N, C-alpha and C. Protein backbone atom coordinates (compact mmCIF):
# COMPACT_ATOMS: atom_id res chain seq x y z
N GLY A 1 3.45 1.08 -19.91
CA GLY A 1 2.58 0.66 -18.53
C GLY A 1 1.74 -0.56 -19.03
N LEU A 2 1.60 -1.38 -18.31
CA LEU A 2 0.87 -2.47 -18.55
C LEU A 2 -1.03 -1.88 -18.60
N LYS A 3 -1.03 -2.58 -19.43
CA LYS A 3 -2.75 -2.56 -19.07
C LYS A 3 -3.21 -2.48 -17.80
N PRO A 4 -4.03 -0.82 -17.56
CA PRO A 4 -5.18 -1.10 -16.42
C PRO A 4 -5.85 -2.41 -15.85
N GLN A 5 -6.18 -2.81 -14.96
CA GLN A 5 -6.95 -3.65 -14.48
C GLN A 5 -8.30 -3.12 -13.78
N ALA A 6 -9.01 -3.60 -14.24
CA ALA A 6 -10.13 -3.76 -13.26
C ALA A 6 -10.06 -3.39 -11.60
N PRO A 7 -10.01 -2.65 -10.14
CA PRO A 7 -9.48 -3.00 -9.55
C PRO A 7 -10.21 -3.73 -8.48
N THR A 8 -9.90 -4.36 -7.99
CA THR A 8 -10.49 -5.77 -7.14
C THR A 8 -10.18 -5.61 -5.97
N PRO A 9 -10.73 -4.70 -5.37
CA PRO A 9 -10.42 -4.58 -3.54
C PRO A 9 -10.16 -5.91 -3.07
N SER A 10 -9.20 -5.64 -2.08
CA SER A 10 -8.64 -6.45 -1.80
C SER A 10 -8.38 -6.71 0.06
N ARG A 11 -8.54 -7.15 1.09
CA ARG A 11 -8.12 -6.95 2.59
C ARG A 11 -8.10 -5.49 2.97
N GLY A 12 -6.49 -5.57 1.92
CA GLY A 12 -5.68 -4.00 2.47
C GLY A 12 -6.42 -3.23 2.06
N SER A 13 -7.42 -3.17 1.53
CA SER A 13 -7.38 -1.52 0.31
C SER A 13 -8.61 -0.85 1.59
N ALA A 14 -9.23 -1.71 2.26
CA ALA A 14 -10.01 -0.75 3.35
C ALA A 14 -10.22 0.15 3.44
N LEU A 15 -8.19 1.05 4.04
CA LEU A 15 -7.77 1.98 4.18
C LEU A 15 -7.61 2.95 2.98
N HIS A 16 -8.20 2.14 2.30
CA HIS A 16 -6.98 3.38 0.43
C HIS A 16 -7.92 4.82 1.13
N GLY A 17 -9.49 4.79 1.22
CA GLY A 17 -9.66 6.00 1.51
C GLY A 17 -8.93 7.17 2.25
N SER A 18 -8.23 6.69 3.24
CA SER A 18 -7.36 7.79 3.91
C SER A 18 -6.67 7.89 3.73
N GLY A 19 -5.69 7.01 2.97
CA GLY A 19 -3.85 6.70 2.51
C GLY A 19 -3.09 6.63 3.32
N GLN A 20 -4.09 5.40 4.49
CA GLN A 20 -3.03 4.83 5.84
C GLN A 20 -2.91 3.45 5.02
N CYS A 21 -3.21 3.06 3.32
CA CYS A 21 -3.48 1.76 2.99
C CYS A 21 -1.82 1.50 2.59
N ARG A 22 -1.51 0.31 2.56
CA ARG A 22 -0.04 -0.57 2.23
C ARG A 22 -0.27 -0.27 0.56
N PRO A 23 0.34 0.08 0.02
CA PRO A 23 0.57 -0.53 -1.61
C PRO A 23 0.47 -1.87 -1.92
N CYS A 24 0.15 -2.76 -3.01
CA CYS A 24 0.50 -3.89 -3.27
C CYS A 24 1.17 -3.72 -4.30
N ALA A 25 2.98 -4.64 -3.76
CA ALA A 25 4.18 -4.01 -5.28
C ALA A 25 3.26 -5.15 -5.64
N TRP A 26 2.74 -6.05 -6.39
CA TRP A 26 2.63 -7.25 -7.23
C TRP A 26 1.20 -7.11 -8.01
N PHE A 27 0.52 -6.14 -7.69
CA PHE A 27 -1.19 -5.95 -8.51
C PHE A 27 -0.65 -5.74 -9.48
N TRP A 28 -0.10 -4.75 -9.87
CA TRP A 28 -0.31 -4.36 -11.32
C TRP A 28 1.44 -5.18 -12.09
N ARG A 29 1.89 -5.84 -11.50
CA ARG A 29 2.81 -6.60 -12.90
C ARG A 29 2.28 -7.51 -13.33
N PRO A 30 2.97 -8.21 -14.16
CA PRO A 30 2.14 -9.23 -14.80
C PRO A 30 2.58 -10.34 -14.17
N GLY A 31 0.87 -11.35 -14.10
CA GLY A 31 0.32 -12.40 -13.21
C GLY A 31 -0.59 -11.98 -12.43
N SER A 32 -0.41 -10.33 -12.11
CA SER A 32 -0.91 -10.04 -10.96
C SER A 32 -0.45 -10.69 -9.03
N CYS A 33 -1.42 -9.94 -7.94
CA CYS A 33 -1.24 -11.15 -7.45
C CYS A 33 -2.14 -12.01 -6.78
N GLN A 34 -0.99 -12.98 -6.27
CA GLN A 34 -1.84 -14.11 -5.90
C GLN A 34 -2.55 -14.05 -4.87
N ASN A 35 -2.32 -13.63 -3.91
CA ASN A 35 -3.40 -13.54 -3.08
C ASN A 35 -4.97 -12.92 -3.34
N GLU A 36 -4.70 -11.82 -4.42
CA GLU A 36 -6.29 -12.07 -4.85
C GLU A 36 -6.64 -10.88 -3.61
N ALA A 37 -8.06 -11.36 -3.00
CA ALA A 37 -9.12 -10.32 -2.44
C ALA A 37 -8.49 -10.81 -0.68
N ASP A 38 -7.60 -11.22 -1.37
CA ASP A 38 -7.40 -11.63 0.51
C ASP A 38 -5.96 -11.20 1.53
N CYS A 39 -5.21 -10.69 -0.68
CA CYS A 39 -4.23 -10.31 0.01
C CYS A 39 -4.25 -8.42 0.64
N ASN A 40 -2.95 -8.35 1.62
CA ASN A 40 -3.33 -7.63 3.19
C ASN A 40 -2.41 -6.24 2.58
N HIS A 41 -2.42 -5.86 1.35
CA HIS A 41 -2.22 -4.69 0.58
C HIS A 41 -3.18 -4.07 0.18
N CYS A 42 -3.14 -2.87 -0.27
CA CYS A 42 -4.27 -2.00 -1.31
C CYS A 42 -4.25 -2.38 -2.84
N HIS A 43 -4.87 -3.02 -3.19
CA HIS A 43 -4.96 -3.03 -5.06
C HIS A 43 -5.76 -2.10 -6.00
N LEU A 44 -6.32 -0.80 -5.00
CA LEU A 44 -6.77 0.26 -5.35
C LEU A 44 -5.84 1.36 -5.66
N CYS A 45 -4.97 0.93 -4.99
CA CYS A 45 -3.94 2.38 -5.36
C CYS A 45 -3.77 1.92 -7.37
N SER A 46 -3.07 3.51 -7.52
CA SER A 46 -2.72 3.91 -8.77
C SER A 46 -1.56 2.86 -8.87
N GLU A 47 -0.89 2.47 -10.47
CA GLU A 47 0.28 1.57 -11.10
C GLU A 47 1.38 2.04 -9.99
N GLY A 48 1.93 3.34 -10.20
CA GLY A 48 2.78 4.08 -9.41
C GLY A 48 3.34 4.41 -8.06
N GLU A 49 2.13 4.24 -7.53
CA GLU A 49 2.10 4.49 -5.68
C GLU A 49 3.21 3.55 -5.47
N PHE A 50 2.92 2.57 -5.19
CA PHE A 50 4.09 1.64 -4.91
C PHE A 50 5.71 2.10 -4.79
N LYS A 51 5.89 2.44 -5.94
CA LYS A 51 7.45 3.17 -6.19
C LYS A 51 7.24 4.49 -5.37
N VAL A 52 6.29 5.59 -5.61
CA VAL A 52 6.52 7.06 -4.85
C VAL A 52 6.52 6.58 -3.94
N ARG A 53 5.43 6.04 -3.08
CA ARG A 53 5.58 5.43 -1.52
C ARG A 53 7.43 5.16 -1.28
N LYS A 54 7.46 4.05 -2.10
CA LYS A 54 8.77 3.04 -1.19
C LYS A 54 9.97 4.63 -1.11
N LYS A 55 9.85 5.59 -2.48
CA LYS A 55 10.99 6.66 -2.88
C LYS A 55 10.66 7.81 -1.76
N ALA A 56 9.83 7.73 -1.25
CA ALA A 56 9.16 9.03 -0.01
C ALA A 56 10.10 8.01 1.03
N LYS A 57 9.44 7.28 1.26
CA LYS A 57 10.20 6.26 2.54
C LYS A 57 11.82 7.15 3.08
N GLN A 58 12.27 6.17 1.72
CA GLN A 58 13.85 6.17 1.42
C GLN A 58 14.20 7.68 1.87
N ALA A 59 14.06 8.97 1.46
CA ALA A 59 14.22 9.97 1.50
C ALA A 59 13.71 10.61 2.93
N MET A 60 12.85 10.42 3.85
CA MET A 60 12.41 10.25 5.57
C MET A 60 13.62 9.92 5.91
N LEU A 61 13.76 8.76 5.66
CA LEU A 61 15.14 7.71 5.84
C LEU A 61 16.08 8.35 6.19
N ARG A 62 16.94 8.91 4.89
CA ARG A 62 18.25 9.52 4.81
C ARG A 62 18.13 10.91 5.34
N LEU A 63 16.96 11.63 5.89
CA LEU A 63 16.85 12.99 5.92
C LEU A 63 16.81 12.80 7.76
N GLY A 64 17.05 11.59 8.25
CA GLY A 64 16.96 11.35 9.56
C GLY A 64 15.80 11.44 10.11
N LEU A 65 14.63 11.82 9.42
CA LEU A 65 12.87 12.08 9.21
C LEU A 65 12.26 11.18 9.73
N ALA A 66 12.80 9.85 10.09
CA ALA A 66 12.31 8.79 10.26
C ALA A 66 13.41 7.16 10.91
N THR A 67 12.74 6.67 11.23
CA THR A 67 13.38 5.47 11.81
C THR A 67 13.31 4.42 11.43
N PRO A 68 13.93 3.36 11.09
CA PRO A 68 13.73 2.14 10.16
C PRO A 68 12.81 0.86 11.59
N LYS A 69 11.73 0.59 11.07
CA LYS A 69 11.38 -0.59 11.97
C LYS A 69 12.61 -1.89 11.96
N PRO A 70 12.32 -2.08 13.27
CA PRO A 70 13.24 -3.10 13.53
C PRO A 70 13.05 -4.33 12.85
N ALA A 71 13.19 -5.44 12.43
CA ALA A 71 13.17 -6.48 11.10
C ALA A 71 12.32 -7.16 12.42
N ALA A 72 10.72 -8.05 11.80
CA ALA A 72 10.39 -8.88 12.46
C ALA A 72 10.40 -9.85 13.08
N ASN A 73 12.42 -10.57 12.83
CA ASN A 73 12.48 -11.62 13.20
C ASN A 73 13.74 -10.90 14.35
N ALA A 74 14.08 -9.94 14.27
CA ALA A 74 14.90 -9.85 15.31
C ALA A 74 15.02 -9.72 16.64
N ASN A 75 16.06 -10.16 17.05
CA ASN A 75 16.14 -10.72 18.84
C ASN A 75 15.99 -9.98 19.34
N SER A 76 15.01 -9.45 20.79
CA SER A 76 15.67 -8.90 21.70
C SER A 76 17.01 -9.19 22.21
N GLU A 77 17.53 -7.93 22.68
CA GLU A 77 18.04 -7.50 22.91
C GLU A 77 18.78 -8.45 24.59
N GLN A 78 17.57 -9.24 25.40
CA GLN A 78 17.78 -10.19 26.16
C GLN A 78 18.17 -11.47 26.19
N ASP A 79 17.42 -11.49 24.45
CA ASP A 79 17.80 -13.21 23.85
C ASP A 79 19.44 -13.05 23.06
N VAL A 80 19.58 -11.79 22.81
CA VAL A 80 20.87 -11.70 22.46
C VAL A 80 21.75 -12.47 23.20
N LEU A 81 21.95 -11.17 24.67
CA LEU A 81 22.56 -12.11 26.10
C LEU A 81 22.35 -13.31 26.38
N ARG A 82 21.38 -13.82 26.04
CA ARG A 82 20.89 -15.14 26.35
C ARG A 82 21.47 -16.01 25.65
N GLN A 83 22.05 -15.66 24.06
CA GLN A 83 22.95 -16.69 23.46
C GLN A 83 23.93 -16.28 23.47
N ALA A 84 24.34 -15.46 23.57
CA ALA A 84 26.45 -15.16 24.67
C ALA A 84 26.23 -15.35 25.35
N LEU A 85 25.59 -15.75 26.32
CA LEU A 85 25.64 -16.45 27.57
C LEU A 85 26.15 -17.81 27.81
N SER A 86 25.55 -18.18 26.72
CA SER A 86 25.29 -20.09 26.49
C SER A 86 25.53 -20.05 25.79
N LEU A 87 26.23 -19.19 24.39
CA LEU A 87 28.17 -19.62 23.61
C LEU A 87 29.55 -19.71 25.23
N ALA A 88 29.41 -18.38 25.33
CA ALA A 88 30.33 -18.79 26.26
C ALA A 88 30.98 -20.02 26.91
N ALA A 89 29.62 -20.09 27.94
CA ALA A 89 29.51 -21.21 28.69
C ALA A 89 29.88 -22.85 28.19
N SER A 90 29.58 -22.71 26.89
CA SER A 90 29.63 -24.21 26.01
C SER A 90 31.07 -23.96 25.55
N PHE A 91 31.64 -22.75 25.67
CA PHE A 91 33.73 -22.66 25.67
C PHE A 91 34.11 -22.83 26.25
N GLY A 92 33.75 -22.71 27.79
CA GLY A 92 34.38 -22.73 29.39
C GLY A 92 34.55 -24.67 29.24
N GLU A 93 33.65 -25.48 28.92
CA GLU A 93 33.39 -26.65 29.22
C GLU A 93 34.29 -27.49 28.49
N GLU A 94 34.84 -26.99 27.10
CA GLU A 94 36.06 -27.59 26.68
C GLU A 94 37.15 -27.96 27.39
């Protein structure tokens, strides 16, 4: 692995003691996290924690024990219907 860095607490490290933090994927990589103390992810987690949690999440999803979160930019059902109606109306005008 890489040389251990001195943990530098980030904004996202506040929940580290409770286990509710989200490990920073960039902190242990060459060049480290560019957000430094302003990062919303935890810099106190160990080097492999991000990968461990990602694999656990994938296993939970695969087993049906968790449901994926909708994408942040996903349209609501009403927005999709509005777009479809607008598109249908534009075809009717031609």
